[in-house]
Amino acid sequence: MTRERFTTLVSGEQKKLRQFLLALCCGHADEADDIAQDALVKAYLASPGLDEEARFTAWLYKIAYNTFLDHKRSRAPLVPIDAHCQLADTRRADDAFRYQTLYAALAALPPKERTAILLYYLKGYSTHEISRIEDCSEEAVRKQMSRGREELKKICKRNDTGLF
């Protein structure tokens, strides 16, 4: 793939990719931007090996997802779910941010469950496509989505948010 073609394809996906990463990062724009930049550099370096241009978007999301996971692994250990719920309205979310309640609830989910839910509901990917992005079985994706939805329901009921 040429540099010009890569640039053209990325320019059509850049905004959507950033939205996906912003949701994965639970509204932390700086973190999402850092991960997006790293993912785009990785994608550019790997682009000469991309054979199927039609699969560019899924390929790019897979790189972004793996970059997100690498970023999370390199950071502090996970905080228990209850701590996320307590921090959501005070330290973690901007009061003016439109989706702060949703991001706070998503922050309580493990990364794989959060990713499966976001790819399915935000991006419209099928469970088969998500399984290829996450390198797992379709059954695992369905379980991740089921566990994620149930956990989101519990969080929303506990916090009386009305999201579900």
N, C-alpha and C. Protein backbone atom coordinates (compact mmCIF):
# COMPACT_ATOMS: atom_id res chain seq x y z
N MET A 1 0.85 -1.17 0.00
CA MET A 1 0.00 0.00 0.00
C MET A 1 0.90 1.23 0.00
N THR A 2 0.55 2.17 -0.81
CA THR A 2 1.36 3.39 -0.89
C THR A 2 1.03 4.33 0.27
N ARG A 3 1.91 5.27 0.48
CA ARG A 3 1.70 6.25 1.55
C ARG A 3 0.44 7.08 1.28
N GLU A 4 0.24 7.46 0.03
CA GLU A 4 -0.93 8.27 -0.34
C GLU A 4 -2.24 7.50 -0.10
N ARG A 5 -2.25 6.22 -0.46
CA ARG A 5 -3.44 5.41 -0.26
C ARG A 5 -3.73 5.22 1.23
N PHE A 6 -2.68 4.98 2.01
CA PHE A 6 -2.84 4.85 3.45
C PHE A 6 -3.43 6.14 4.03
N THR A 7 -2.91 7.27 3.63
CA THR A 7 -3.39 8.56 4.12
C THR A 7 -4.85 8.77 3.76
N THR A 8 -5.23 8.41 2.56
CA THR A 8 -6.62 8.54 2.12
C THR A 8 -7.54 7.66 2.96
N LEU A 9 -7.15 6.42 3.16
CA LEU A 9 -7.98 5.50 3.94
C LEU A 9 -8.08 5.95 5.40
N VAL A 10 -6.99 6.40 5.97
CA VAL A 10 -6.99 6.85 7.37
C VAL A 10 -7.85 8.10 7.53
N SER A 11 -7.78 9.02 6.58
CA SER A 11 -8.56 10.25 6.72
C SER A 11 -10.05 9.96 6.77
N GLY A 12 -10.50 8.88 6.13
CA GLY A 12 -11.91 8.51 6.20
C GLY A 12 -12.30 7.82 7.50
N GLU A 13 -11.33 7.30 8.22
CA GLU A 13 -11.60 6.54 9.45
C GLU A 13 -11.15 7.25 10.72
N GLN A 14 -10.36 8.29 10.60
CA GLN A 14 -9.71 8.90 11.75
C GLN A 14 -10.70 9.36 12.82
N LYS A 15 -11.76 10.04 12.43
CA LYS A 15 -12.72 10.55 13.40
C LYS A 15 -13.44 9.40 14.12
N LYS A 16 -13.85 8.39 13.36
CA LYS A 16 -14.54 7.24 13.95
C LYS A 16 -13.61 6.46 14.87
N LEU A 17 -12.36 6.32 14.47
CA LEU A 17 -11.38 5.62 15.30
C LEU A 17 -11.18 6.36 16.62
N ARG A 18 -11.08 7.66 16.56
CA ARG A 18 -10.92 8.46 17.77
C ARG A 18 -12.13 8.31 18.68
N GLN A 19 -13.34 8.31 18.12
CA GLN A 19 -14.55 8.13 18.93
C GLN A 19 -14.54 6.77 19.63
N PHE A 20 -14.12 5.75 18.91
CA PHE A 20 -14.03 4.41 19.48
C PHE A 20 -13.04 4.40 20.64
N LEU A 21 -11.86 4.98 20.42
CA LEU A 21 -10.85 5.00 21.48
C LEU A 21 -11.27 5.88 22.64
N LEU A 22 -11.96 6.97 22.36
CA LEU A 22 -12.46 7.84 23.43
C LEU A 22 -13.44 7.06 24.31
N ALA A 23 -14.28 6.25 23.69
CA ALA A 23 -15.21 5.43 24.47
C ALA A 23 -14.46 4.35 25.25
N LEU A 24 -13.46 3.72 24.63
CA LEU A 24 -12.67 2.71 25.34
C LEU A 24 -11.95 3.33 26.53
N CYS A 25 -11.52 4.56 26.37
CA CYS A 25 -10.78 5.27 27.43
C CYS A 25 -11.73 6.01 28.37
N CYS A 26 -13.01 5.75 28.24
CA CYS A 26 -14.04 6.29 29.14
C CYS A 26 -14.02 7.81 29.22
N GLY A 27 -13.84 8.45 28.08
CA GLY A 27 -13.92 9.90 28.02
C GLY A 27 -12.63 10.64 28.25
N HIS A 28 -11.55 9.94 28.47
CA HIS A 28 -10.25 10.58 28.70
C HIS A 28 -9.61 10.90 27.34
N ALA A 29 -9.85 12.11 26.87
CA ALA A 29 -9.46 12.51 25.52
C ALA A 29 -7.95 12.44 25.29
N ASP A 30 -7.17 12.88 26.25
CA ASP A 30 -5.72 12.86 26.07
C ASP A 30 -5.20 11.43 25.92
N GLU A 31 -5.71 10.54 26.72
CA GLU A 31 -5.31 9.14 26.64
C GLU A 31 -5.73 8.55 25.29
N ALA A 32 -6.96 8.83 24.86
CA ALA A 32 -7.45 8.33 23.57
C ALA A 32 -6.61 8.87 22.42
N ASP A 33 -6.24 10.14 22.48
CA ASP A 33 -5.42 10.73 21.43
C ASP A 33 -4.03 10.09 21.37
N ASP A 34 -3.44 9.84 22.54
CA ASP A 34 -2.13 9.18 22.57
C ASP A 34 -2.19 7.79 21.96
N ILE A 35 -3.22 7.05 22.32
CA ILE A 35 -3.37 5.70 21.80
C ILE A 35 -3.64 5.73 20.30
N ALA A 36 -4.47 6.68 19.86
CA ALA A 36 -4.76 6.81 18.42
C ALA A 36 -3.48 7.10 17.65
N GLN A 37 -2.68 8.00 18.17
CA GLN A 37 -1.43 8.34 17.49
C GLN A 37 -0.50 7.12 17.40
N ASP A 38 -0.36 6.41 18.50
CA ASP A 38 0.48 5.20 18.50
C ASP A 38 -0.07 4.16 17.52
N ALA A 39 -1.38 3.98 17.51
CA ALA A 39 -2.01 2.99 16.63
C ALA A 39 -1.81 3.36 15.16
N LEU A 40 -1.93 4.63 14.84
CA LEU A 40 -1.76 5.05 13.45
C LEU A 40 -0.32 4.88 12.99
N VAL A 41 0.62 5.13 13.88
CA VAL A 41 2.03 4.91 13.52
C VAL A 41 2.27 3.42 13.28
N LYS A 42 1.74 2.58 14.18
CA LYS A 42 1.89 1.13 14.01
C LYS A 42 1.24 0.66 12.70
N ALA A 43 0.07 1.20 12.41
CA ALA A 43 -0.64 0.82 11.19
C ALA A 43 0.15 1.25 9.95
N TYR A 44 0.69 2.44 9.98
CA TYR A 44 1.46 2.91 8.83
C TYR A 44 2.69 2.02 8.60
N LEU A 45 3.37 1.68 9.68
CA LEU A 45 4.55 0.83 9.55
C LEU A 45 4.20 -0.57 9.05
N ALA A 46 3.01 -1.04 9.38
CA ALA A 46 2.59 -2.37 8.94
C ALA A 46 1.83 -2.36 7.62
N SER A 47 1.48 -1.19 7.11
CA SER A 47 0.63 -1.10 5.92
C SER A 47 1.19 -1.75 4.66
N PRO A 48 2.51 -1.79 4.45
CA PRO A 48 2.98 -2.47 3.24
C PRO A 48 2.58 -3.96 3.19
N GLY A 49 2.33 -4.56 4.34
CA GLY A 49 1.96 -5.97 4.39
C GLY A 49 0.47 -6.22 4.28
N LEU A 50 -0.34 -5.17 4.20
CA LEU A 50 -1.79 -5.34 4.11
C LEU A 50 -2.17 -5.72 2.69
N ASP A 51 -2.74 -6.91 2.55
CA ASP A 51 -3.12 -7.40 1.23
C ASP A 51 -4.52 -6.97 0.82
N GLU A 52 -5.45 -7.05 1.75
CA GLU A 52 -6.85 -6.77 1.43
C GLU A 52 -7.23 -5.36 1.88
N GLU A 53 -7.28 -4.46 0.94
CA GLU A 53 -7.63 -3.09 1.26
C GLU A 53 -9.07 -2.98 1.76
N ALA A 54 -9.92 -3.90 1.35
CA ALA A 54 -11.32 -3.90 1.76
C ALA A 54 -11.46 -4.14 3.26
N ARG A 55 -10.49 -4.78 3.88
CA ARG A 55 -10.52 -5.07 5.31
C ARG A 55 -9.75 -4.02 6.12
N PHE A 56 -9.44 -2.89 5.51
CA PHE A 56 -8.62 -1.87 6.15
C PHE A 56 -9.20 -1.42 7.49
N THR A 57 -10.50 -1.15 7.54
CA THR A 57 -11.11 -0.62 8.76
C THR A 57 -10.99 -1.61 9.92
N ALA A 58 -11.35 -2.87 9.69
CA ALA A 58 -11.24 -3.88 10.75
C ALA A 58 -9.79 -4.06 11.16
N TRP A 59 -8.88 -4.04 10.21
CA TRP A 59 -7.45 -4.17 10.48
C TRP A 59 -6.97 -3.01 11.35
N LEU A 60 -7.41 -1.79 11.01
CA LEU A 60 -7.02 -0.61 11.78
C LEU A 60 -7.58 -0.67 13.21
N TYR A 61 -8.82 -1.12 13.36
CA TYR A 61 -9.43 -1.23 14.68
C TYR A 61 -8.72 -2.29 15.52
N LYS A 62 -8.29 -3.35 14.89
CA LYS A 62 -7.55 -4.38 15.62
C LYS A 62 -6.24 -3.82 16.15
N ILE A 63 -5.55 -3.05 15.34
CA ILE A 63 -4.30 -2.42 15.78
C ILE A 63 -4.59 -1.44 16.92
N ALA A 64 -5.65 -0.65 16.78
CA ALA A 64 -6.01 0.32 17.82
C ALA A 64 -6.38 -0.40 19.12
N TYR A 65 -7.14 -1.47 19.00
CA TYR A 65 -7.54 -2.23 20.19
C TYR A 65 -6.32 -2.82 20.90
N ASN A 66 -5.42 -3.42 20.14
CA ASN A 66 -4.21 -3.99 20.74
C ASN A 66 -3.33 -2.91 21.35
N THR A 67 -3.27 -1.75 20.73
CA THR A 67 -2.51 -0.62 21.29
C THR A 67 -3.15 -0.16 22.60
N PHE A 68 -4.48 -0.15 22.63
CA PHE A 68 -5.20 0.19 23.86
C PHE A 68 -4.85 -0.79 24.97
N LEU A 69 -4.89 -2.10 24.66
CA LEU A 69 -4.57 -3.11 25.66
C LEU A 69 -3.13 -2.96 26.15
N ASP A 70 -2.19 -2.72 25.24
CA ASP A 70 -0.79 -2.52 25.62
C ASP A 70 -0.66 -1.32 26.55
N HIS A 71 -1.38 -0.27 26.22
CA HIS A 71 -1.35 0.94 27.05
C HIS A 71 -1.89 0.66 28.45
N LYS A 72 -3.00 -0.08 28.51
CA LYS A 72 -3.59 -0.41 29.81
C LYS A 72 -2.69 -1.31 30.64
N ARG A 73 -2.02 -2.24 29.99
CA ARG A 73 -1.12 -3.15 30.73
C ARG A 73 0.06 -2.40 31.33
N SER A 74 0.48 -1.34 30.68
CA SER A 74 1.65 -0.61 31.14
C SER A 74 1.31 0.38 32.26
N ARG A 75 0.04 0.53 32.56
CA ARG A 75 -0.39 1.48 33.59
C ARG A 75 -0.61 0.79 34.91
N ALA A 76 -1.15 1.53 35.87
CA ALA A 76 -1.40 1.02 37.23
C ALA A 76 -2.38 -0.14 37.22
N PRO A 77 -2.39 -0.94 38.28
CA PRO A 77 -3.32 -2.07 38.37
C PRO A 77 -4.78 -1.60 38.34
N LEU A 78 -5.66 -2.54 38.01
CA LEU A 78 -7.08 -2.22 37.92
C LEU A 78 -7.65 -1.82 39.27
N VAL A 79 -8.60 -0.89 39.24
CA VAL A 79 -9.30 -0.43 40.43
C VAL A 79 -10.61 -1.20 40.52
N PRO A 80 -11.03 -1.63 41.70
CA PRO A 80 -12.29 -2.36 41.83
C PRO A 80 -13.48 -1.56 41.29
N ILE A 81 -14.52 -2.25 40.87
CA ILE A 81 -15.69 -1.62 40.26
C ILE A 81 -16.30 -0.57 41.19
N ASP A 82 -16.41 -0.86 42.46
CA ASP A 82 -17.02 0.10 43.39
C ASP A 82 -16.26 1.41 43.42
N ALA A 83 -14.95 1.35 43.31
CA ALA A 83 -14.15 2.58 43.31
C ALA A 83 -14.46 3.41 42.07
N HIS A 84 -14.69 2.76 40.93
CA HIS A 84 -15.04 3.50 39.71
C HIS A 84 -16.35 4.25 39.91
N CYS A 85 -17.30 3.60 40.50
CA CYS A 85 -18.61 4.22 40.70
C CYS A 85 -18.52 5.42 41.63
N GLN A 86 -17.68 5.33 42.64
CA GLN A 86 -17.53 6.44 43.58
C GLN A 86 -16.78 7.60 42.97
N LEU A 87 -15.83 7.32 42.10
CA LEU A 87 -15.03 8.38 41.50
C LEU A 87 -15.69 9.05 40.31
N ALA A 88 -16.66 8.42 39.74
CA ALA A 88 -17.21 8.85 38.47
C ALA A 88 -17.68 10.30 38.46
N ASP A 89 -18.41 10.72 39.48
CA ASP A 89 -18.97 12.05 39.45
C ASP A 89 -18.03 13.13 39.98
N THR A 90 -16.94 12.75 40.62
CA THR A 90 -16.10 13.76 41.22
C THR A 90 -14.79 13.96 40.49
N ARG A 91 -13.94 12.93 40.46
CA ARG A 91 -12.60 13.13 39.92
C ARG A 91 -12.44 12.71 38.47
N ARG A 92 -13.17 11.71 38.01
CA ARG A 92 -12.87 11.12 36.70
C ARG A 92 -13.61 11.77 35.54
N ALA A 93 -14.76 12.31 35.75
CA ALA A 93 -15.56 12.80 34.64
C ALA A 93 -15.74 14.30 34.72
N ASP A 94 -15.66 14.92 33.60
CA ASP A 94 -15.89 16.36 33.51
C ASP A 94 -17.40 16.60 33.63
N ASP A 95 -17.79 17.52 34.53
CA ASP A 95 -19.22 17.76 34.76
C ASP A 95 -19.96 18.19 33.50
N ALA A 96 -19.28 18.86 32.60
CA ALA A 96 -19.92 19.34 31.39
C ALA A 96 -19.94 18.28 30.29
N PHE A 97 -19.30 17.15 30.51
CA PHE A 97 -19.19 16.15 29.46
C PHE A 97 -20.50 15.40 29.30
N ARG A 98 -20.98 15.34 28.11
CA ARG A 98 -22.30 14.82 27.81
C ARG A 98 -22.50 13.35 28.19
N TYR A 99 -21.50 12.54 28.02
CA TYR A 99 -21.65 11.10 28.24
C TYR A 99 -20.95 10.62 29.51
N GLN A 100 -20.77 11.47 30.48
CA GLN A 100 -19.98 11.10 31.64
C GLN A 100 -20.55 9.89 32.38
N THR A 101 -21.85 9.77 32.48
CA THR A 101 -22.45 8.64 33.18
C THR A 101 -22.17 7.33 32.44
N LEU A 102 -22.31 7.37 31.13
CA LEU A 102 -22.02 6.18 30.34
C LEU A 102 -20.55 5.81 30.43
N TYR A 103 -19.65 6.79 30.32
CA TYR A 103 -18.23 6.50 30.41
C TYR A 103 -17.85 5.95 31.78
N ALA A 104 -18.48 6.47 32.81
CA ALA A 104 -18.20 5.97 34.16
C ALA A 104 -18.63 4.51 34.28
N ALA A 105 -19.77 4.17 33.70
CA ALA A 105 -20.23 2.78 33.73
C ALA A 105 -19.32 1.89 32.89
N LEU A 106 -18.91 2.37 31.72
CA LEU A 106 -18.00 1.59 30.87
C LEU A 106 -16.64 1.39 31.53
N ALA A 107 -16.22 2.37 32.32
CA ALA A 107 -14.92 2.27 32.99
C ALA A 107 -14.88 1.10 33.97
N ALA A 108 -16.05 0.71 34.44
CA ALA A 108 -16.13 -0.38 35.41
C ALA A 108 -15.97 -1.75 34.75
N LEU A 109 -16.08 -1.81 33.44
CA LEU A 109 -15.98 -3.09 32.73
C LEU A 109 -14.53 -3.43 32.42
N PRO A 110 -14.20 -4.71 32.40
CA PRO A 110 -12.87 -5.12 31.93
C PRO A 110 -12.72 -4.72 30.45
N PRO A 111 -11.51 -4.47 29.99
CA PRO A 111 -11.29 -3.99 28.62
C PRO A 111 -11.91 -4.86 27.53
N LYS A 112 -11.85 -6.18 27.64
CA LYS A 112 -12.42 -7.04 26.59
C LYS A 112 -13.93 -6.90 26.51
N GLU A 113 -14.61 -6.84 27.65
CA GLU A 113 -16.06 -6.67 27.65
C GLU A 113 -16.44 -5.30 27.11
N ARG A 114 -15.72 -4.28 27.54
CA ARG A 114 -15.98 -2.92 27.07
C ARG A 114 -15.78 -2.84 25.56
N THR A 115 -14.73 -3.46 25.07
CA THR A 115 -14.43 -3.42 23.64
C THR A 115 -15.51 -4.14 22.84
N ALA A 116 -15.92 -5.31 23.28
CA ALA A 116 -16.95 -6.06 22.56
C ALA A 116 -18.24 -5.26 22.48
N ILE A 117 -18.64 -4.65 23.58
CA ILE A 117 -19.87 -3.86 23.60
C ILE A 117 -19.74 -2.64 22.69
N LEU A 118 -18.63 -1.94 22.74
CA LEU A 118 -18.45 -0.76 21.91
C LEU A 118 -18.39 -1.10 20.43
N LEU A 119 -17.67 -2.15 20.08
CA LEU A 119 -17.58 -2.53 18.66
C LEU A 119 -18.95 -2.97 18.13
N TYR A 120 -19.72 -3.65 18.95
CA TYR A 120 -21.02 -4.13 18.51
C TYR A 120 -22.04 -2.99 18.41
N TYR A 121 -22.16 -2.21 19.48
CA TYR A 121 -23.21 -1.18 19.52
C TYR A 121 -22.79 0.15 18.90
N LEU A 122 -21.54 0.53 19.06
CA LEU A 122 -21.09 1.81 18.52
C LEU A 122 -20.70 1.71 17.06
N LYS A 123 -19.98 0.64 16.72
CA LYS A 123 -19.47 0.49 15.36
C LYS A 123 -20.30 -0.42 14.49
N GLY A 124 -21.17 -1.24 15.07
CA GLY A 124 -22.02 -2.11 14.28
C GLY A 124 -21.34 -3.36 13.76
N TYR A 125 -20.23 -3.75 14.35
CA TYR A 125 -19.55 -4.97 13.94
C TYR A 125 -20.34 -6.19 14.40
N SER A 126 -20.25 -7.27 13.64
CA SER A 126 -20.88 -8.53 14.02
C SER A 126 -19.99 -9.24 15.04
N THR A 127 -20.54 -10.25 15.69
CA THR A 127 -19.72 -11.01 16.65
C THR A 127 -18.56 -11.70 15.94
N HIS A 128 -18.77 -12.11 14.70
CA HIS A 128 -17.69 -12.73 13.93
C HIS A 128 -16.55 -11.73 13.70
N GLU A 129 -16.90 -10.51 13.30
CA GLU A 129 -15.88 -9.49 13.06
C GLU A 129 -15.16 -9.12 14.36
N ILE A 130 -15.90 -9.02 15.45
CA ILE A 130 -15.28 -8.69 16.73
C ILE A 130 -14.33 -9.80 17.16
N SER A 131 -14.72 -11.04 16.91
CA SER A 131 -13.84 -12.16 17.28
C SER A 131 -12.51 -12.08 16.53
N ARG A 132 -12.54 -11.61 15.31
CA ARG A 132 -11.30 -11.46 14.54
C ARG A 132 -10.46 -10.29 15.07
N ILE A 133 -11.11 -9.23 15.49
CA ILE A 133 -10.40 -8.07 16.04
C ILE A 133 -9.76 -8.44 17.38
N GLU A 134 -10.50 -9.15 18.22
CA GLU A 134 -10.01 -9.50 19.55
C GLU A 134 -9.21 -10.80 19.59
N ASP A 135 -9.11 -11.50 18.49
CA ASP A 135 -8.42 -12.79 18.43
C ASP A 135 -8.99 -13.79 19.44
N CYS A 136 -10.29 -14.00 19.37
CA CYS A 136 -10.95 -14.98 20.24
C CYS A 136 -12.12 -15.58 19.47
N SER A 137 -12.81 -16.52 20.08
CA SER A 137 -13.94 -17.17 19.41
C SER A 137 -15.18 -16.28 19.46
N GLU A 138 -16.13 -16.59 18.57
CA GLU A 138 -17.40 -15.86 18.58
C GLU A 138 -18.15 -16.10 19.89
N GLU A 139 -18.05 -17.30 20.40
CA GLU A 139 -18.69 -17.63 21.68
C GLU A 139 -18.12 -16.75 22.80
N ALA A 140 -16.81 -16.54 22.78
CA ALA A 140 -16.18 -15.68 23.79
C ALA A 140 -16.70 -14.25 23.67
N VAL A 141 -16.88 -13.78 22.45
CA VAL A 141 -17.41 -12.42 22.24
C VAL A 141 -18.83 -12.33 22.79
N ARG A 142 -19.65 -13.33 22.49
CA ARG A 142 -21.03 -13.32 23.00
C ARG A 142 -21.05 -13.32 24.53
N LYS A 143 -20.16 -14.09 25.15
CA LYS A 143 -20.07 -14.11 26.61
C LYS A 143 -19.61 -12.76 27.15
N GLN A 144 -18.62 -12.15 26.48
CA GLN A 144 -18.14 -10.83 26.91
C GLN A 144 -19.27 -9.81 26.85
N MET A 145 -20.02 -9.85 25.76
CA MET A 145 -21.13 -8.89 25.62
C MET A 145 -22.21 -9.15 26.66
N SER A 146 -22.53 -10.40 26.91
CA SER A 146 -23.54 -10.74 27.90
C SER A 146 -23.11 -10.28 29.30
N ARG A 147 -21.87 -10.61 29.67
CA ARG A 147 -21.37 -10.19 30.99
C ARG A 147 -21.32 -8.66 31.08
N GLY A 148 -20.88 -8.03 30.01
CA GLY A 148 -20.79 -6.57 30.00
C GLY A 148 -22.14 -5.90 30.15
N ARG A 149 -23.14 -6.40 29.42
CA ARG A 149 -24.49 -5.83 29.52
C ARG A 149 -25.05 -6.01 30.92
N GLU A 150 -24.87 -7.20 31.49
CA GLU A 150 -25.37 -7.45 32.85
C GLU A 150 -24.69 -6.54 33.87
N GLU A 151 -23.40 -6.37 33.72
CA GLU A 151 -22.67 -5.51 34.66
C GLU A 151 -23.11 -4.05 34.50
N LEU A 152 -23.32 -3.62 33.28
CA LEU A 152 -23.79 -2.24 33.05
C LEU A 152 -25.17 -2.04 33.67
N LYS A 153 -26.03 -3.04 33.54
CA LYS A 153 -27.36 -2.94 34.15
C LYS A 153 -27.25 -2.81 35.67
N LYS A 154 -26.38 -3.62 36.28
CA LYS A 154 -26.19 -3.56 37.73
C LYS A 154 -25.68 -2.19 38.16
N ILE A 155 -24.70 -1.69 37.44
CA ILE A 155 -24.11 -0.39 37.77
C ILE A 155 -25.16 0.70 37.67
N CYS A 156 -25.93 0.67 36.60
CA CYS A 156 -26.94 1.71 36.39
C CYS A 156 -28.07 1.64 37.43
N LYS A 157 -28.45 0.43 37.81
CA LYS A 157 -29.46 0.28 38.86
C LYS A 157 -28.93 0.78 40.19
N ARG A 158 -27.68 0.43 40.48
CA ARG A 158 -27.05 0.82 41.74
C ARG A 158 -26.93 2.35 41.84
N ASN A 159 -26.64 2.98 40.71
CA ASN A 159 -26.44 4.43 40.70
C ASN A 159 -27.68 5.18 40.25
N ASP A 160 -28.76 4.43 39.93
CA ASP A 160 -30.01 5.03 39.49
C ASP A 160 -29.81 6.03 38.36
N THR A 161 -29.09 5.57 37.30
CA THR A 161 -28.78 6.48 36.20
C THR A 161 -29.84 6.49 35.11
N GLY A 162 -30.61 5.43 34.98
CA GLY A 162 -31.62 5.38 33.95
C GLY A 162 -31.08 5.06 32.56
N LEU A 163 -29.83 4.65 32.46
CA LEU A 163 -29.28 4.31 31.14
C LEU A 163 -29.95 3.06 30.59
N PHE A 164 -30.29 2.10 31.45
CA PHE A 164 -30.91 0.84 31.01
C PHE A 164 -32.28 0.70 31.59
